[in-house]
C-alpha atoms as a PDB file:
ATOM      1  CA  MET A   1     -75.943  98.353  20.381  1.00  0.00           C
ATOM      2  CA  ALA A   2     -76.816 101.151  18.140  1.00  0.00           C
ATOM      3  CA  ASN A   3     -75.630  99.825  14.789  1.00  0.00           C
ATOM      4  CA  LEU A   4     -76.208  95.955  14.971  1.00  0.00           C
ATOM      5  CA  PRO A   5     -79.577  94.287  14.396  1.00  0.00           C
ATOM      6  CA  VAL A   6     -81.264  93.786  17.609  1.00  0.00           C
ATOM      7  CA  ARG A   7     -82.520  90.268  18.312  1.00  0.00           C
ATOM      8  CA  PHE A   8     -84.012  88.434  21.420  1.00  0.00           C
ATOM      9  CA  THR A   9     -81.875  85.971  23.426  1.00  0.00           C
ATOM     10  CA  GLN A  10     -83.968  83.355  25.206  1.00  0.00           C
ATOM     11  CA  ILE A  11     -83.565  82.334  28.740  1.00  0.00           C
ATOM     12  CA  ASP A  12     -82.677  78.627  28.625  1.00  0.00           C
ATOM     13  CA  GLU A  13     -80.694  75.961  30.541  1.00  0.00           C
ATOM     14  CA  THR A  14     -77.386  77.883  29.980  1.00  0.00           C
ATOM     15  CA  ASN A  15     -78.611  80.985  32.011  1.00  0.00           C
ATOM     16  CA  ARG A  16     -81.861  80.153  33.923  1.00  0.00           C
ATOM     17  CA  GLY A  17     -79.743  79.708  37.102  1.00  0.00           C
ATOM     18  CA  ASP A  18     -79.374  83.477  37.137  1.00  0.00           C
ATOM     19  CA  HIS A  19     -83.239  84.014  37.604  1.00  0.00           C
ATOM     20  CA  PRO A  20     -84.634  81.898  40.422  1.00  0.00           C
ATOM     21  CA  HIS A  21     -88.200  82.300  39.447  1.00  0.00           C
ATOM     22  CA  PHE A  22     -87.861  80.960  35.979  1.00  0.00           C
ATOM     23  CA  ARG A  23     -89.909  77.720  35.633  1.00  0.00           C
ATOM     24  CA  ASP A  24     -90.140  74.871  33.133  1.00  0.00           C
ATOM     25  CA  GLY A  25     -92.201  75.988  30.256  1.00  0.00           C
ATOM     26  CA  ASP A  26     -91.586  79.716  30.714  1.00  0.00           C
ATOM     27  CA  GLN A  27     -90.765  81.671  27.648  1.00  0.00           C
ATOM     28  CA  TRP A  28     -88.617  84.717  28.531  1.00  0.00           C
ATOM     29  CA  ALA A  29     -86.387  86.700  26.207  1.00  0.00           C
ATOM     30  CA  PHE A  30     -84.285  89.678  26.617  1.00  0.00           C
ATOM     31  CA  LEU A  31     -82.331  92.063  24.353  1.00  0.00           C
ATOM     32  CA  PHE A  32     -79.282  93.267  26.290  1.00  0.00           C
ATOM     33  CA  GLU A  33     -77.247  92.456  29.500  1.00  0.00           C
ATOM     34  CA  LYS A  34     -76.701  94.978  32.313  1.00  0.00           C
ATOM     35  CA  THR A  35     -73.748  94.232  34.666  1.00  0.00           C
ATOM     36  CA  SER A  36     -74.722  94.432  38.440  1.00  0.00           C
ATOM     37  CA  GLY A  37     -72.503  96.554  40.792  1.00  0.00           C
ATOM     38  CA  ARG A  38     -71.395  98.634  37.909  1.00  0.00           C
ATOM     39  CA  ASP A  39     -72.437 102.264  37.371  1.00  0.00           C
ATOM     40  CA  PHE A  40     -73.767 103.949  34.042  1.00  0.00           C
ATOM     41  CA  SER A  41     -70.200 104.313  32.667  1.00  0.00           C
ATOM     42  CA  PHE A  42     -69.365 100.684  32.590  1.00  0.00           C
ATOM     43  CA  SER A  43     -71.397  99.645  29.437  1.00  0.00           C
ATOM     44  CA  GLU A  44     -74.001 101.008  27.085  1.00  0.00           C
ATOM     45  CA  THR A  45     -76.613  98.930  28.484  1.00  0.00           C
ATOM     46  CA  ASN A  46     -75.849 100.129  32.082  1.00  0.00           C
ATOM     47  CA  ASN A  47     -76.095 103.702  30.836  1.00  0.00           C
ATOM     48  CA  LEU A  48     -79.446 102.966  29.039  1.00  0.00           C
ATOM     49  CA  ILE A  49     -80.912 101.475  31.988  1.00  0.00           C
ATOM     50  CA  SER A  50     -79.741 104.175  34.400  1.00  0.00           C
ATOM     51  CA  ASN A  51     -81.347 106.821  32.082  1.00  0.00           C
ATOM     52  CA  LEU A  52     -84.485 104.863  31.675  1.00  0.00           C
ATOM     53  CA  LYS A  53     -84.949 104.641  35.600  1.00  0.00           C
ATOM     54  CA  LYS A  54     -84.310 108.248  36.247  1.00  0.00           C
ATOM     55  CA  PRO A  55     -87.182 109.458  38.464  1.00  0.00           C
ATOM     56  CA  VAL A  56     -90.008 111.721  37.000  1.00  0.00           C
ATOM     57  CA  ASN A  57     -89.060 114.432  39.488  1.00  0.00           C
ATOM     58  CA  ALA A  58     -85.294 114.605  38.208  1.00  0.00           C
ATOM     59  CA  SER A  59     -84.148 117.853  36.371  1.00  0.00           C
ATOM     60  CA  GLN A  60     -85.227 118.523  32.854  1.00  0.00           C
ATOM     61  CA  ALA A  61     -81.841 117.668  31.500  1.00  0.00           C
ATOM     62  CA  GLN A  62     -82.029 114.271  33.183  1.00  0.00           C
ATOM     63  CA  LEU A  63     -85.590 113.765  31.970  1.00  0.00           C
ATOM     64  CA  ASN A  64     -84.389 114.395  28.313  1.00  0.00           C
ATOM     65  CA  TYR A  65     -82.032 111.408  28.759  1.00  0.00           C
ATOM     66  CA  LYS A  66     -84.855 109.335  30.199  1.00  0.00           C
ATOM     67  CA  ALA A  67     -87.089 110.334  27.117  1.00  0.00           C
ATOM     68  CA  GLY A  68     -84.200 109.226  24.779  1.00  0.00           C
ATOM     69  CA  ALA A  69     -83.862 105.878  26.637  1.00  0.00           C
ATOM     70  CA  ILE A  70     -87.668 105.359  26.288  1.00  0.00           C
ATOM     71  CA  ARG A  71     -87.353 105.852  22.507  1.00  0.00           C
ATOM     72  CA  ARG A  72     -84.393 103.683  22.050  1.00  0.00           C
ATOM     73  CA  CYS A  73     -85.926 100.751  24.083  1.00  0.00           C
ATOM     74  CA  ALA A  74     -89.027 101.088  21.761  1.00  0.00           C
ATOM     75  CA  ALA A  75     -87.045 101.049  18.628  1.00  0.00           C
ATOM     76  CA  SER A  76     -85.045  97.957  19.802  1.00  0.00           C
ATOM     77  CA  LEU A  77     -88.171  96.137  20.572  1.00  0.00           C
ATOM     78  CA  ARG A  78     -89.700  96.987  17.453  1.00  0.00           C
ATOM     79  CA  GLN A  79     -86.754  95.411  15.550  1.00  0.00           C
ATOM     80  CA  ALA A  80     -86.857  92.258  17.671  1.00  0.00           C
ATOM     81  CA  ILE A  81     -90.669  91.588  17.749  1.00  0.00           C
ATOM     82  CA  ASN A  82     -92.081  90.391  14.431  1.00  0.00           C
ATOM     83  CA  ASP A  83     -95.141  91.873  12.746  1.00  0.00           C
ATOM     84  CA  GLU A  84     -97.019  88.685  13.004  1.00  0.00           C
ATOM     85  CA  TRP A  85     -96.861  88.647  16.720  1.00  0.00           C
ATOM     86  CA  LEU A  86     -97.833  92.490  17.017  1.00  0.00           C
ATOM     87  CA  ASP A  87    -100.841  91.829  14.826  1.00  0.00           C
ATOM     88  CA  GLY A  88    -102.424  89.349  17.064  1.00  0.00           C
ATOM     89  CA  GLY A  89    -100.750  89.646  20.576  1.00  0.00           C
ATOM     90  CA  THR A  90    -101.163  92.045  23.377  1.00  0.00           C
ATOM     91  CA  LEU A  91     -98.446  93.855  25.209  1.00  0.00           C
ATOM     92  CA  VAL A  92     -98.876  94.236  28.868  1.00  0.00           C
ATOM     93  CA  PRO A  93     -96.414  96.598  30.695  1.00  0.00           C
ATOM     94  CA  ILE A  94     -95.360  95.821  34.231  1.00  0.00           C
ATOM     95  CA  PRO A  95     -97.291  98.289  36.353  1.00  0.00           C
ATOM     96  CA  PRO A  96     -95.293 101.089  37.941  1.00  0.00           C
ATOM     97  CA  SER A  97     -94.235 100.786  41.574  1.00  0.00           C
ATOM     98  CA  LYS A  98     -96.351 103.927  42.284  1.00  0.00           C
ATOM     99  CA  VAL A  99     -99.987 104.183  42.020  1.00  0.00           C
ATOM    100  CA  LEU A 100    -101.420 106.697  39.489  1.00  0.00           C
ATOM    101  CA  SER A 101    -102.214 109.374  42.047  1.00  0.00           C
ATOM    102  CA  ASP A 102     -98.637 109.195  43.295  1.00  0.00           C
ATOM    103  CA  PRO A 103     -96.480 112.164  42.162  1.00  0.00           C
ATOM    104  CA  LEU A 104     -93.691 109.737  41.344  1.00  0.00           C
ATOM    105  CA  TYR A 105     -95.838 107.633  39.144  1.00  0.00           C
ATOM    106  CA  ASP A 106     -93.527 106.464  36.297  1.00  0.00           C
ATOM    107  CA  ASN A 107     -95.190 104.721  33.372  1.00  0.00           C
ATOM    108  CA  ARG A 108     -92.186 104.323  31.261  1.00  0.00           C
ATOM    109  CA  MET A 109     -92.956 100.700  30.302  1.00  0.00           C
ATOM    110  CA  GLU A 110     -96.415 101.789  28.989  1.00  0.00           C
ATOM    111  CA  GLN A 111     -94.638 104.661  26.932  1.00  0.00           C
ATOM    112  CA  ILE A 112     -92.039 102.160  25.524  1.00  0.00           C
ATOM    113  CA  CYS A 113     -94.889  99.642  24.532  1.00  0.00           C
ATOM    114  CA  ASN A 114     -97.002 102.503  22.801  1.00  0.00           C
ATOM    115  CA  LEU A 115     -93.938 103.540  20.794  1.00  0.00           C
ATOM    116  CA  ILE A 116     -93.235 100.077  19.509  1.00  0.00           C
ATOM    117  CA  ARG A 117     -95.583 100.445  16.625  1.00  0.00           C
ATOM    118  CA  PRO A 118     -97.726 103.629  17.449  1.00  0.00           C
ATOM    119  CA  ASN A 119    -101.521 103.326  16.841  1.00  0.00           C
ATOM    120  CA  ASN A 120    -101.144  99.863  15.466  1.00  0.00           C
ATOM    121  CA  VAL A 121    -100.587  97.554  18.546  1.00  0.00           C
ATOM    122  CA  ASP A 122    -102.589  96.231  21.393  1.00  0.00           C
ATOM    123  CA  VAL A 123    -101.216  97.605  24.504  1.00  0.00           C
ATOM    124  CA  ARG A 124    -103.174  97.261  27.630  1.00  0.00           C
ATOM    125  CA  ASN A 125    -102.455  97.950  31.287  1.00  0.00           C
ATOM    126  CA  LEU A 126    -104.374  94.837  32.213  1.00  0.00           C
ATOM    127  CA  VAL A 127    -102.690  94.528  35.662  1.00  0.00           C
ATOM    128  CA  VAL A 128    -102.903  97.522  38.080  1.00  0.00           C
ATOM    129  CA  GLN A 129    -100.913  97.925  41.215  1.00  0.00           C
ATOM    130  CA  ASN A 130    -103.255  98.977  43.974  1.00  0.00           C
ATOM    131  CA  GLN A 131    -100.572 100.578  46.549  1.00  0.00           C
ATOM    132  CA  SER A 132     -97.444 102.406  46.069  1.00  0.00           C
ATOM    133  CA  MET A 133     -94.237 100.510  46.910  1.00  0.00           C
ATOM    134  CA  ILE A 134     -90.493 101.358  46.980  1.00  0.00           C
ATOM    135  CA  ALA A 135     -89.128 100.224  43.588  1.00  0.00           C
ATOM    136  CA  SER A 136     -87.060  97.123  43.551  1.00  0.00           C
ATOM    137  CA  HIS A 137     -83.736  99.107  42.289  1.00  0.00           C
ATOM    138  CA  GLU A 138     -84.252 101.456  45.290  1.00  0.00           C
ATOM    139  CA  ARG A 139     -84.574  98.708  48.085  1.00  0.00           C
ATOM    140  CA  PRO A 140     -81.643  97.826  50.368  1.00  0.00           C
ATOM    141  CA  PRO A 141     -80.124  94.466  49.745  1.00  0.00           C
ATOM    142  CA  GLY A 142     -82.014  91.731  51.258  1.00  0.00           C
ATOM    143  CA  THR A 143     -85.298  93.674  51.167  1.00  0.00           C
ATOM    144  CA  ARG A 144     -86.651  92.604  47.751  1.00  0.00           C
ATOM    145  CA  ILE A 145     -90.408  92.323  47.424  1.00  0.00           C
ATOM    146  CA  THR A 146     -91.855  88.803  47.339  1.00  0.00           C
ATOM    147  CA  ILE A 147     -94.218  87.346  44.892  1.00  0.00           C
ATOM    148  CA  ASP A 148     -96.919  86.947  47.481  1.00  0.00           C
ATOM    149  CA  GLU A 149     -96.760  90.665  48.179  1.00  0.00           C
ATOM    150  CA  LEU A 150     -96.927  91.656  44.589  1.00  0.00           C
ATOM    151  CA  VAL A 151     -99.762  89.269  43.817  1.00  0.00           C
ATOM    152  CA  ALA A 152    -101.665  90.790  46.540  1.00  0.00           C
ATOM    153  CA  SER A 153    -101.178  94.229  45.485  1.00  0.00           C
ATOM    154  CA  TYR A 154    -102.157  93.583  41.942  1.00  0.00           C
ATOM    155  CA  SER A 155    -105.684  93.331  40.342  1.00  0.00           C
ATOM    156  CA  ILE A 156    -107.158  93.239  36.730  1.00  0.00           C
ATOM    157  CA  ASP A 157    -108.499  96.196  35.175  1.00  0.00           C
ATOM    158  CA  GLU A 158    -111.929  94.804  34.071  1.00  0.00           C
ATOM    159  CA  SER A 159    -112.521  97.679  31.767  1.00  0.00           C
ATOM    160  CA  LEU A 160    -109.729  96.525  29.619  1.00  0.00           C
ATOM    161  CA  ALA A 161    -110.318  92.816  29.788  1.00  0.00           C
ATOM    162  CA  GLU A 162    -112.363  92.628  26.471  1.00  0.00           C
ATOM    163  CA  PRO A 163    -111.629  91.085  23.978  1.00  0.00           C
ATOM    164  CA  HIS A 164    -109.914  88.459  26.066  1.00  0.00           C
ATOM    165  CA  PRO A 165    -106.254  88.462  24.774  1.00  0.00           C
ATOM    166  CA  SER A 166    -105.000  85.143  23.208  1.00  0.00           C
ATOM    167  CA  ALA A 167    -101.311  85.865  23.474  1.00  0.00           C
ATOM    168  CA  ILE A 168     -99.670  88.217  26.126  1.00  0.00           C
ATOM    169  CA  ALA A 169     -96.227  89.583  26.394  1.00  0.00           C
ATOM    170  CA  VAL A 170     -95.354  91.051  29.753  1.00  0.00           C
ATOM    171  CA  VAL A 171     -93.045  93.720  29.082  1.00  0.00           C
ATOM    172  CA  ASP A 172     -90.412  94.925  31.635  1.00  0.00           C
ATOM    173  CA  ASP A 173     -87.059  96.757  31.596  1.00  0.00           C
ATOM    174  CA  MET A 174     -85.021  94.501  33.747  1.00  0.00           C
ATOM    175  CA  LEU A 175     -84.969  90.831  34.552  1.00  0.00           C
ATOM    176  CA  THR A 176     -83.366  89.966  37.960  1.00  0.00           C
ATOM    177  CA  ALA A 177     -84.924  87.196  39.875  1.00  0.00           C
ATOM    178  CA  GLY A 178     -88.108  87.290  37.846  1.00  0.00           C
ATOM    179  CA  THR A 179     -90.269  88.162  40.786  1.00  0.00           C
ATOM    180  CA  HIS A 180     -92.390  90.668  38.945  1.00  0.00           C
ATOM    181  CA  TYR A 181     -93.047  88.485  35.857  1.00  0.00           C
ATOM    182  CA  ARG A 182     -93.821  85.540  38.170  1.00  0.00           C
ATOM    183  CA  SER A 183     -96.557  87.692  39.920  1.00  0.00           C
ATOM    184  CA  MET A 184     -97.888  89.087  36.749  1.00  0.00           C
ATOM    185  CA  HIS A 185     -98.198  85.535  35.229  1.00  0.00           C
ATOM    186  CA  THR A 186    -100.017  84.389  38.261  1.00  0.00           C
ATOM    187  CA  VAL A 187    -102.598  87.169  38.079  1.00  0.00           C
ATOM    188  CA  LEU A 188    -103.033  87.159  34.300  1.00  0.00           C
ATOM    189  CA  SER A 189    -103.288  83.403  33.839  1.00  0.00           C
ATOM    190  CA  GLN A 190    -105.942  83.204  36.655  1.00  0.00           C
ATOM    191  CA  ARG A 191    -107.988  85.782  34.637  1.00  0.00           C
ATOM    192  CA  PHE A 192    -107.198  84.467  31.178  1.00  0.00           C
ATOM    193  CA  PRO A 193    -106.404  80.836  31.458  1.00  0.00           C
ATOM    194  CA  GLN A 194    -106.350  80.110  27.729  1.00  0.00           C
ATOM    195  CA  ALA A 195    -103.970  82.881  26.933  1.00  0.00           C
ATOM    196  CA  TYR A 196    -100.308  82.207  25.899  1.00  0.00           C
ATOM    197  CA  ILE A 197     -98.061  84.328  28.329  1.00  0.00           C
ATOM    198  CA  CYS A 198     -94.446  85.190  27.703  1.00  0.00           C
ATOM    199  CA  GLY A 199     -92.069  87.663  29.267  1.00  0.00           C
ATOM    200  CA  LEU A 200     -89.965  90.261  27.044  1.00  0.00           C
ATOM    201  CA  PHE A 201     -87.244  92.301  28.871  1.00  0.00           C
ATOM    202  CA  ILE A 202     -84.969  95.115  27.754  1.00  0.00           C
ATOM    203  CA  ALA A 203     -82.107  93.588  29.701  1.00  0.00           C
ATOM    204  CA  ARG A 204     -81.213  91.053  32.058  1.00  0.00           C
ATOM    205  CA  ARG A 205     -78.935  91.282  35.168  1.00  0.00           C
ATOM    206  CA  VAL A 206     -75.482  89.656  34.884  1.00  0.00           C
ATOM    207  CA  PHE A 207     -72.621  89.740  37.424  1.00  0.00           C
ATOM    208  CA  PRO A 208     -69.165  90.818  36.716  1.00  0.00           C
ATOM    209  CA  ASP A 209     -66.440  88.331  36.158  1.00  0.00           C
ATOM    210  CA  GLU A 210     -64.358  87.593  39.278  1.00  0.00           C
ATOM    211  CA  ASP A 211     -61.249  88.860  37.553  1.00  0.00           C
ATOM    212  CA  GLU A 212     -62.729  92.300  37.181  1.00  0.00           C
ATOM    213  CA  PHE A 213     -62.562  92.748  40.896  1.00  0.00           C
END
């Protein structure tokens, strides 16, 4: 992952079954694959995502790993997104699970987006989450948040709505079911019906082969 050129892989007919909220016409792309049920030592991507998701109240040593993961994700996205798209498109980070006033507010995705091409890319927190929630990766099995719950908690920050974006990339660290993207797409497409909307993900969840057990 460190030495090879980084390119996006599209979600298509070969892998869409892993992501239940993918719909015909969606444009989703990811950089790496994180194996579910395995810890940070299993793969380079598992380690990257583990570091990226470290809480903001972790030790300074742990936060140093987090900062390194943020820089690495930004550099990888920079390699994969072409300049023509960045010149005209708008990057919209997935909102943190906690509101701005919450001490656990973690704007890692905004930080990543701002580092992709510093001071020369349109990054906007167009969608705001209005109540703190338990992060998806911290929820017990079977208690994942729903699209309806997320849509109800989201709103558009009208102070950032102008000029209207013509092309939006919703940027998230992990693609699992696609719940957060689907919720973001619902809210953004209602407000900006003429905008092209796609999803860019650092990694998608994959499951280990049966013979690994």
